[in-house]
């Protein structure tokens, strides 16, 4: 292993991450094959970024904390109509 492989490893790993590939695997490939590991990576199809879906349990958790925060602001029965 020479200094060129050490220099190429983060470059190829970052490019693999940007393409939607496993950066750790491509870093290993770069350490083994050198900078030439980027050649097959250039020809692979880019994976699209998937839409993030927030699970329902997270919405329930946020709703619970929001209700707790609103209930802490109520000190007297006169505060209830303000809500």
Protein backbone atom coordinates (compact mmCIF):
# COMPACT_ATOMS: atom_id res chain seq x y z
CA UNK A 1 0.00 0.00 0.00
CA UNK A 2 1.40 3.34 -0.95
CA UNK A 3 0.41 6.90 -0.21
CA UNK A 4 -1.70 7.09 -3.38
CA UNK A 5 -4.09 4.43 -2.05
CA UNK A 6 -4.39 6.24 1.25
CA UNK A 7 -5.19 9.45 -0.59
CA UNK A 8 -7.70 7.78 -2.90
CA UNK A 9 -9.58 5.92 -0.15
CA UNK A 10 -11.58 8.87 1.27
CA UNK A 11 -12.16 10.28 -2.21
CA UNK A 12 -13.66 7.06 -3.54
CA UNK A 13 -15.57 6.44 -0.30
CA UNK A 14 -17.13 9.90 -0.43
CA UNK A 15 -18.04 9.47 -4.09
CA UNK A 16 -19.59 6.07 -3.30
CA UNK A 17 -21.62 7.64 -0.50
CA UNK A 18 -22.77 10.38 -2.87
CA UNK A 19 -23.86 7.72 -5.37
CA UNK A 20 -25.86 5.87 -2.74
CA UNK A 21 -23.42 3.00 -2.31
CA UNK A 22 -21.82 1.56 0.81
CA UNK A 23 -18.85 3.84 1.49
CA UNK A 24 -17.10 1.38 3.80
CA UNK A 25 -17.15 -1.39 1.17
CA UNK A 26 -15.78 0.92 -1.51
CA UNK A 27 -13.06 2.13 0.85
CA UNK A 28 -11.97 -1.50 1.27
CA UNK A 29 -12.03 -1.96 -2.52
CA UNK A 30 -9.87 1.14 -2.88
CA UNK A 31 -7.35 -0.14 -0.35
CA UNK A 32 -7.12 -3.41 -2.29
CA UNK A 33 -7.25 -2.20 -5.91
CA UNK A 34 -6.04 1.35 -5.50
CA UNK A 35 -7.53 4.34 -7.25
CA UNK A 36 -8.72 2.05 -10.06
CA UNK A 37 -11.66 1.07 -7.85
CA UNK A 38 -13.38 4.28 -8.92
CA UNK A 39 -13.71 3.03 -12.52
CA UNK A 40 -16.49 0.48 -11.85
CA UNK A 41 -18.08 2.96 -9.46
CA UNK A 42 -18.35 5.50 -12.27
CA UNK A 43 -20.24 3.03 -14.45
CA UNK A 44 -22.68 1.84 -11.80
CA UNK A 45 -26.14 3.34 -11.83
CA UNK A 46 -26.75 6.02 -9.22
CA UNK A 47 -29.28 5.08 -6.58
CA UNK A 48 -32.01 7.68 -6.05
CA UNK A 49 -32.48 9.27 -2.66
CA UNK A 50 -35.46 7.69 -0.95
CA UNK A 51 -38.12 9.80 0.71
CA UNK A 52 -37.88 9.67 4.46
CA UNK A 53 -41.02 8.43 6.15
CA UNK A 54 -41.51 9.34 9.76
CA UNK A 55 -43.03 6.49 11.76
CA UNK A 56 -46.34 6.92 13.58
CA UNK A 57 -44.80 6.19 16.99
CA UNK A 58 -42.63 9.29 16.57
CA UNK A 59 -45.69 11.45 15.88
CA UNK A 60 -47.34 10.02 19.01
CA UNK A 61 -44.22 10.81 21.05
CA UNK A 62 -44.11 14.40 19.81
CA UNK A 63 -47.83 14.83 20.44
CA UNK A 64 -47.39 13.57 24.02
CA UNK A 65 -44.56 16.02 24.75
CA UNK A 66 -46.53 18.87 23.19
CA UNK A 67 -49.54 18.12 25.40
CA UNK A 68 -47.30 17.97 28.49
CA UNK A 69 -45.83 21.36 27.62
CA UNK A 70 -49.28 22.91 27.20
CA UNK A 71 -50.51 21.40 30.48
CA UNK A 72 -47.54 22.86 32.37
CA UNK A 73 -48.64 26.36 31.30
CA UNK A 74 -52.04 25.93 32.95
CA UNK A 75 -51.86 27.13 36.56
CA UNK A 76 -55.44 28.05 37.41
CA UNK A 77 -58.88 27.23 35.98
CA UNK A 78 -58.95 30.75 34.56
CA UNK A 79 -56.09 29.77 32.23
CA UNK A 80 -58.20 27.11 30.50
CA UNK A 81 -60.22 29.42 28.17
CA UNK A 82 -56.97 30.91 26.88
CA UNK A 83 -56.03 27.59 25.34
